[in-house]
Protein backbone atom coordinates (compact mmCIF):
# COMPACT_ATOMS: atom_id res chain seq x y z
CA MET A 1 -6.69 14.81 -64.94
CA ALA A 2 -9.63 12.60 -64.00
CA ASP A 3 -11.70 11.14 -66.84
CA LEU A 4 -15.45 11.28 -66.24
CA SER A 5 -16.51 10.75 -69.84
CA GLY A 6 -19.92 9.12 -69.89
CA LYS A 7 -20.62 10.08 -66.28
CA VAL A 8 -23.56 12.22 -65.15
CA ALA A 9 -23.26 14.71 -62.29
CA LEU A 10 -25.56 17.15 -60.54
CA VAL A 11 -24.24 20.24 -58.77
CA THR A 12 -26.79 22.16 -56.74
CA GLY A 13 -26.42 25.91 -56.36
CA ALA A 14 -24.05 26.53 -59.26
CA THR A 15 -24.87 29.98 -60.61
CA ARG A 16 -21.76 31.40 -58.99
CA GLY A 17 -19.15 30.84 -56.31
CA LEU A 18 -18.14 27.38 -55.17
CA GLY A 19 -20.87 25.60 -57.12
CA LYS A 20 -19.76 27.20 -60.38
CA GLY A 21 -16.17 26.12 -59.78
CA ILE A 22 -17.27 22.58 -58.94
CA ALA A 23 -19.31 22.34 -62.12
CA ILE A 24 -16.38 23.57 -64.22
CA GLY A 25 -14.06 21.06 -62.56
CA LEU A 26 -16.41 18.22 -63.41
CA GLY A 27 -16.75 19.60 -66.92
CA GLU A 28 -12.96 19.57 -67.33
CA ALA A 29 -13.12 15.83 -66.68
CA GLY A 30 -15.66 15.37 -69.48
CA ALA A 31 -18.81 14.79 -67.42
CA THR A 32 -22.37 15.70 -68.30
CA VAL A 33 -23.18 18.21 -65.58
CA TYR A 34 -26.64 19.27 -64.48
CA ILE A 35 -26.54 22.53 -62.55
CA THR A 36 -29.24 24.22 -60.51
CA GLY A 37 -29.84 27.70 -59.23
CA ARG A 38 -32.44 30.42 -59.08
CA THR A 39 -30.76 33.10 -61.17
CA THR A 40 -31.13 33.08 -64.93
CA ALA A 41 -30.46 35.72 -67.54
CA ASP A 42 -34.14 36.66 -67.29
CA SER A 43 -34.21 37.02 -63.50
CA LYS A 44 -35.27 40.47 -62.34
CA GLU A 45 -33.18 40.27 -59.17
CA GLN A 46 -29.60 39.04 -59.16
CA PRO A 47 -28.03 39.02 -55.67
CA ALA A 48 -24.53 38.72 -57.11
CA PRO A 49 -22.86 38.33 -60.50
CA GLY A 50 -23.56 35.03 -62.18
CA THR A 51 -26.36 33.15 -63.90
CA LEU A 52 -27.09 29.56 -64.82
CA GLU A 53 -26.39 30.38 -68.45
CA LYS A 54 -22.94 31.82 -67.70
CA THR A 55 -21.98 28.79 -65.64
CA ALA A 56 -23.23 26.46 -68.37
CA ALA A 57 -21.11 28.28 -70.95
CA ALA A 58 -18.03 27.94 -68.73
CA VAL A 59 -18.63 24.21 -68.18
CA ASN A 60 -19.07 23.62 -71.90
CA ALA A 61 -15.91 25.60 -72.65
CA ALA A 62 -14.00 23.44 -70.17
CA GLY A 63 -14.94 20.29 -72.07
CA GLY A 64 -18.13 19.13 -70.41
CA LYS A 65 -21.77 19.12 -71.37
CA CYS A 66 -23.84 21.33 -69.10
CA ILE A 67 -27.59 21.24 -68.60
CA PRO A 68 -28.83 24.21 -66.54
CA VAL A 69 -32.11 23.84 -64.66
CA GLN A 70 -33.76 26.63 -62.68
CA VAL A 71 -34.58 25.17 -59.27
CA ASP A 72 -35.33 26.64 -55.87
CA HIS A 73 -34.05 24.03 -53.42
CA ALA A 74 -36.46 25.30 -50.80
CA ASN A 75 -39.23 23.88 -52.99
CA ASP A 76 -39.42 20.09 -52.71
CA ALA A 77 -41.71 19.81 -55.73
CA GLN A 78 -39.17 21.55 -57.96
CA VAL A 79 -36.43 19.24 -56.70
CA GLU A 80 -38.55 16.18 -57.42
CA THR A 81 -39.23 17.44 -60.93
CA LEU A 82 -35.49 17.94 -61.44
CA PHE A 83 -34.74 14.32 -60.60
CA GLU A 84 -37.59 13.10 -62.76
CA ARG A 85 -36.01 14.99 -65.64
CA ILE A 86 -32.59 13.44 -64.97
CA THR A 87 -34.19 10.00 -64.79
CA THR A 88 -35.87 10.49 -68.15
CA GLU A 89 -33.01 12.17 -69.98
CA GLN A 90 -30.22 9.95 -68.61
CA ASN A 91 -32.11 6.66 -68.42
CA GLY A 92 -31.85 6.63 -64.64
CA GLN A 93 -28.11 7.34 -64.54
CA LEU A 94 -26.67 9.71 -61.95
CA ASP A 95 -23.08 9.12 -60.90
CA VAL A 96 -22.29 12.18 -58.78
CA LEU A 97 -24.38 14.48 -56.60
CA VAL A 98 -22.75 17.54 -55.09
CA ASN A 99 -24.84 19.05 -52.30
CA ASN A 100 -23.68 22.64 -52.51
CA ALA A 101 -26.75 24.92 -52.58
CA TYR A 102 -26.56 27.44 -49.74
CA ALA A 103 -28.80 30.44 -49.23
CA GLY A 104 -27.17 31.92 -46.13
CA VAL A 105 -24.12 33.86 -47.37
CA GLN A 106 -25.72 37.30 -47.33
CA ALA A 107 -27.36 36.62 -43.96
CA LEU A 108 -23.97 35.62 -42.54
CA LYS A 109 -22.41 38.81 -43.85
CA ASP A 110 -25.16 40.90 -42.30
CA ALA A 111 -24.87 39.11 -38.94
CA TYR A 112 -21.09 38.96 -38.76
CA GLY A 113 -19.53 40.14 -35.51
CA GLU A 114 -22.69 40.00 -33.38
CA PRO A 115 -23.94 37.20 -31.09
CA PHE A 116 -26.83 34.99 -32.17
CA TRP A 117 -29.40 36.58 -29.86
CA LYS A 118 -29.04 39.89 -31.64
CA HIS A 119 -30.66 38.42 -34.73
CA SER A 120 -33.95 36.93 -35.84
CA PRO A 121 -34.40 33.15 -35.84
CA ALA A 122 -34.61 33.60 -39.61
CA LEU A 123 -30.80 33.54 -39.60
CA TRP A 124 -31.01 29.83 -38.83
CA ASP A 125 -33.43 29.19 -41.68
CA ALA A 126 -31.35 31.19 -44.15
CA GLY A 127 -28.45 28.77 -43.94
CA ASN A 128 -30.04 25.53 -42.82
CA ASN A 129 -33.14 25.28 -44.99
CA VAL A 130 -31.23 25.56 -48.24
CA GLY A 131 -27.88 24.32 -46.98
CA LEU A 132 -28.85 21.37 -44.77
CA ARG A 133 -32.44 20.21 -45.27
CA SER A 134 -32.06 20.69 -49.01
CA HIS A 135 -29.03 18.39 -48.99
CA TYR A 136 -31.08 15.68 -47.29
CA VAL A 137 -33.88 16.02 -49.83
CA ALA A 138 -31.54 15.92 -52.83
CA SER A 139 -29.69 12.93 -51.38
CA ILE A 140 -32.93 10.98 -51.06
CA HIS A 141 -33.65 11.40 -54.75
CA ALA A 142 -30.06 10.72 -55.77
CA ALA A 143 -29.86 7.55 -53.69
CA ARG A 144 -32.99 6.24 -55.40
CA LEU A 145 -31.11 6.45 -58.70
CA MET A 146 -27.70 5.31 -57.48
CA THR A 147 -28.52 2.33 -55.27
CA PRO A 148 -30.14 0.15 -57.96
CA ARG A 149 -27.05 0.66 -60.13
CA LYS A 150 -24.68 -0.15 -57.23
CA GLN A 151 -22.49 2.89 -57.80
CA GLY A 152 -22.37 6.59 -57.10
CA LEU A 153 -20.83 9.41 -55.09
CA ILE A 154 -22.59 11.98 -52.93
CA CYS A 155 -20.40 14.89 -51.84
CA THR A 156 -21.86 17.22 -49.24
CA ILE A 157 -20.13 20.58 -48.94
CA SER A 158 -19.36 21.41 -45.34
CA SER A 159 -16.58 23.36 -43.63
CA TRP A 160 -14.19 23.72 -40.72
CA GLY A 161 -17.11 25.46 -39.03
CA GLY A 162 -18.56 22.05 -38.23
CA LEU A 163 -15.70 21.49 -35.81
CA ALA A 164 -14.81 24.93 -34.49
CA TYR A 165 -16.33 28.38 -34.20
CA ILE A 166 -16.16 30.50 -37.34
CA PHE A 167 -19.28 32.44 -38.34
CA GLY A 168 -21.61 31.81 -35.43
CA ALA A 169 -23.96 29.33 -33.83
CA ALA A 170 -26.40 28.90 -36.71
CA TYR A 171 -23.60 28.37 -39.22
CA GLY A 172 -21.61 25.95 -37.09
CA SER A 173 -24.65 23.88 -36.17
CA GLY A 174 -25.56 23.46 -39.82
CA LYS A 175 -22.06 22.43 -40.86
CA ALA A 176 -21.74 19.93 -38.01
CA ALA A 177 -25.09 18.50 -39.08
CA ASN A 178 -23.86 18.20 -42.66
CA ASP A 179 -20.86 16.19 -41.47
CA ARG A 180 -23.14 13.90 -39.49
CA LEU A 181 -25.55 13.61 -42.41
CA ALA A 182 -22.79 12.52 -44.76
CA ALA A 183 -21.43 10.01 -42.26
CA ASP A 184 -24.79 8.44 -41.45
CA MET A 185 -25.84 8.28 -45.10
CA ALA A 186 -22.57 6.44 -45.75
CA VAL A 187 -23.58 3.70 -43.32
CA GLU A 188 -26.86 3.09 -45.11
CA LEU A 189 -25.38 3.43 -48.61
CA LYS A 190 -22.39 1.14 -48.06
CA PRO A 191 -24.20 -2.10 -49.00
CA PHE A 192 -25.04 -0.50 -52.34
CA ASN A 193 -21.48 0.64 -53.16
CA VAL A 194 -22.46 4.32 -53.02
CA ALA A 195 -20.00 6.66 -51.31
CA SER A 196 -21.02 9.62 -49.14
CA ILE A 197 -18.32 12.14 -48.26
CA SER A 198 -18.33 15.43 -46.37
CA LEU A 199 -16.04 17.89 -48.13
CA TRP A 200 -14.26 20.81 -46.49
CA PRO A 201 -12.96 23.47 -48.88
CA GLY A 202 -10.44 25.88 -47.41
CA ILE A 203 -10.72 29.66 -47.58
CA VAL A 204 -12.38 30.01 -50.97
CA ALA A 205 -12.22 33.16 -53.06
CA THR A 206 -15.84 33.24 -54.18
CA GLU A 207 -17.34 36.51 -55.33
CA LEU A 208 -19.29 37.18 -52.14
CA MET A 209 -16.62 35.93 -49.75
CA SER A 210 -13.90 38.00 -51.41
CA GLU A 211 -16.12 41.04 -50.95
CA PHE A 212 -16.72 40.08 -47.32
CA PHE A 213 -13.03 39.68 -46.56
CA ALA A 214 -12.27 43.02 -48.18
CA GLU A 215 -14.90 44.80 -46.10
CA SER A 216 -14.10 43.14 -42.75
CA THR A 217 -11.41 44.72 -40.60
CA ASP A 218 -10.98 41.94 -38.02
CA ASN A 219 -10.29 38.84 -40.09
CA PRO A 220 -6.76 37.46 -40.52
CA VAL A 221 -7.02 36.62 -44.22
CA GLY A 222 -7.81 39.99 -45.71
CA ASP A 223 -4.49 39.78 -47.55
CA GLY A 224 -5.63 36.67 -49.38
CA TYR A 225 -3.61 34.27 -47.26
CA ASN A 226 -3.96 30.64 -48.41
CA LEU A 227 -6.95 31.39 -50.60
CA GLU A 228 -8.05 28.71 -53.02
CA SER A 229 -10.30 29.02 -56.04
CA PRO A 230 -13.69 27.31 -56.37
CA LEU A 231 -12.25 25.29 -59.26
CA LEU A 232 -9.93 23.34 -56.94
CA THR A 233 -12.93 21.82 -55.16
CA GLY A 234 -14.33 20.76 -58.53
CA ARG A 235 -11.08 19.09 -59.48
CA ALA A 236 -10.98 17.31 -56.13
CA ILE A 237 -14.52 15.98 -56.57
CA ALA A 238 -13.70 14.84 -60.11
CA ALA A 239 -10.69 12.94 -58.76
CA LEU A 240 -12.83 11.29 -56.09
CA ALA A 241 -15.45 10.32 -58.66
CA ALA A 242 -12.79 8.70 -60.84
CA ASP A 243 -11.10 6.87 -57.94
CA PRO A 244 -11.97 3.14 -58.00
CA ASN A 245 -11.20 3.03 -54.28
CA VAL A 246 -13.47 5.93 -53.30
CA MET A 247 -15.51 3.72 -50.95
CA GLY A 248 -12.49 3.72 -48.65
CA TRP A 249 -13.17 7.40 -47.95
CA SER A 250 -16.93 7.09 -47.57
CA GLY A 251 -18.34 8.43 -44.32
CA LYS A 252 -15.30 10.61 -43.68
CA MET A 253 -14.58 14.31 -43.76
CA GLN A 254 -12.14 15.26 -46.51
CA ILE A 255 -10.25 18.55 -46.75
CA VAL A 256 -9.94 19.80 -50.34
CA ALA A 257 -6.27 20.77 -49.94
CA GLU A 258 -5.47 17.24 -48.78
CA LEU A 259 -7.33 15.73 -51.72
CA ALA A 260 -5.26 17.99 -53.99
CA GLU A 261 -2.12 16.61 -52.37
CA ARG A 262 -3.33 13.00 -52.60
CA TYR A 263 -4.31 13.20 -56.27
CA GLY A 264 -1.56 15.60 -57.42
CA LEU A 265 -3.95 18.43 -58.23
CA GLN A 266 -3.15 22.12 -58.62
CA ASP A 267 -5.33 25.18 -58.37
CA GLU A 268 -5.98 27.27 -61.46
CA ASP A 269 -2.90 29.42 -60.73
CA GLY A 270 -0.63 26.38 -60.44
CA THR A 271 -0.40 26.44 -56.65
CA ARG A 272 -1.66 24.06 -53.98
CA PRO A 273 -3.03 25.48 -50.69
CA ALA A 274 -2.03 24.18 -47.29
CA SER A 275 -4.49 21.99 -45.41
CA LEU A 276 -6.55 23.68 -42.72
CA ARG A 277 -5.15 21.25 -40.16
CA SER A 278 -1.50 21.62 -41.13
CA LEU A 279 1.22 23.57 -39.35
CA ARG A 280 1.96 25.18 -42.70
CA PHE A 281 -1.48 26.80 -42.55
CA ALA A 282 -1.92 27.39 -38.82
CA LEU A 283 1.42 28.99 -37.90
CA PRO A 284 1.39 31.71 -40.58
CA LEU A 285 -2.29 32.32 -39.87
CA GLY A 286 -1.43 33.21 -36.28
CA VAL A 287 1.90 34.90 -37.10
CA PRO A 288 1.44 36.83 -40.36
CA ALA A 289 5.16 37.63 -40.54
CA LEU A 290 5.74 33.95 -41.38
CA ARG A 291 3.54 33.97 -44.48
CA PRO A 292 6.34 34.69 -46.98
CA TYR A 293 8.17 31.67 -45.59
CA ALA A 294 5.22 29.28 -45.30
CA HIS A 295 6.73 26.83 -47.78
CA TRP A 296 9.58 26.23 -45.32
CA ILE A 297 7.22 25.20 -42.53
CA PRO A 298 6.74 21.42 -42.16
CA ASN A 299 3.51 20.16 -43.70
CA PHE A 300 2.71 18.18 -40.56
CA LYS A 301 -1.02 17.67 -40.09
CA ILE A 302 -2.68 17.66 -36.70
CA PRO A 303 -4.31 14.22 -36.25
CA TRP A 304 -8.09 14.11 -36.59
CA TRP A 305 -8.45 12.42 -33.22
CA LEU A 306 -6.69 15.33 -31.57
CA LEU A 307 -8.87 17.88 -33.34
CA VAL A 308 -12.05 16.06 -32.41
CA THR A 309 -11.14 15.36 -28.78
CA THR A 310 -9.89 18.82 -27.94
CA THR A 311 -11.65 22.13 -27.96
CA LEU A 312 -10.40 24.30 -30.78
CA ALA A 313 -10.87 28.04 -30.65
CA ALA A 314 -10.48 28.62 -34.37
CA PRO A 315 -10.04 32.21 -35.57
CA LYS A 316 -12.89 33.84 -37.38
CA ILE A 317 -12.19 33.52 -41.07
């Protein structure tokens, strides 16, 4: 397991889902973890199970030190105040930023299965205000802390949807922009020894996505095929943060399942999912009868250059 003792991390959007798992994974490694979100125990409206306090308790139980801060990442002033607090409390130290906050899950669920013109332009804002612009804003503040110290890691959560069609035009555009954002930030951060990586989790069993898959009748993973927990992404980020050679991956897209393979990580149930670009994932996805025998399928991975230079018609997942 990675050792992040003495390190300070910030995970945005960590009241539930992927962000919660990431925070726990960093806590397992011994980091001090700031988490943000809008939902607290005192919130009148809770869109889904989970609060900042519950995540903080889970991070502390895993071995970390968690500091929950209520922040709306659509509000630049609140974000600035957050970083001022980190600067004061940690003497300017921030080692890891995870850009995870995303406000578009419910909007995606509501819009699923219909073309973009059937919906309000607000669908774009739902996922790309907090989910793209917010990542840029947080990265500005993080870079101002990391660059003087000549070290740091910024992980921006993206997805396969940045390369191929999954949930629609607004979603895919935002994810492609996140990949570009991470890559271009890497160019400007390289002289300061700060890494910027775009991270692609697989099919993640978050609370809302599990509900979505259960309700949808036309998706190929309703049986839980190749699902991974949010915790695996946290363990992958912890491994990256502890890797002395992490700059070698800066500016690149990294698939969580491949990081798990590289660093010898397992999910919370002891398994390791197949990479989204592997035959072991793709063949059983298209031919469900092969799923019980997936471990016999070669773990050959389709080269990135082939994925990028060809048009992929990815299934809706």
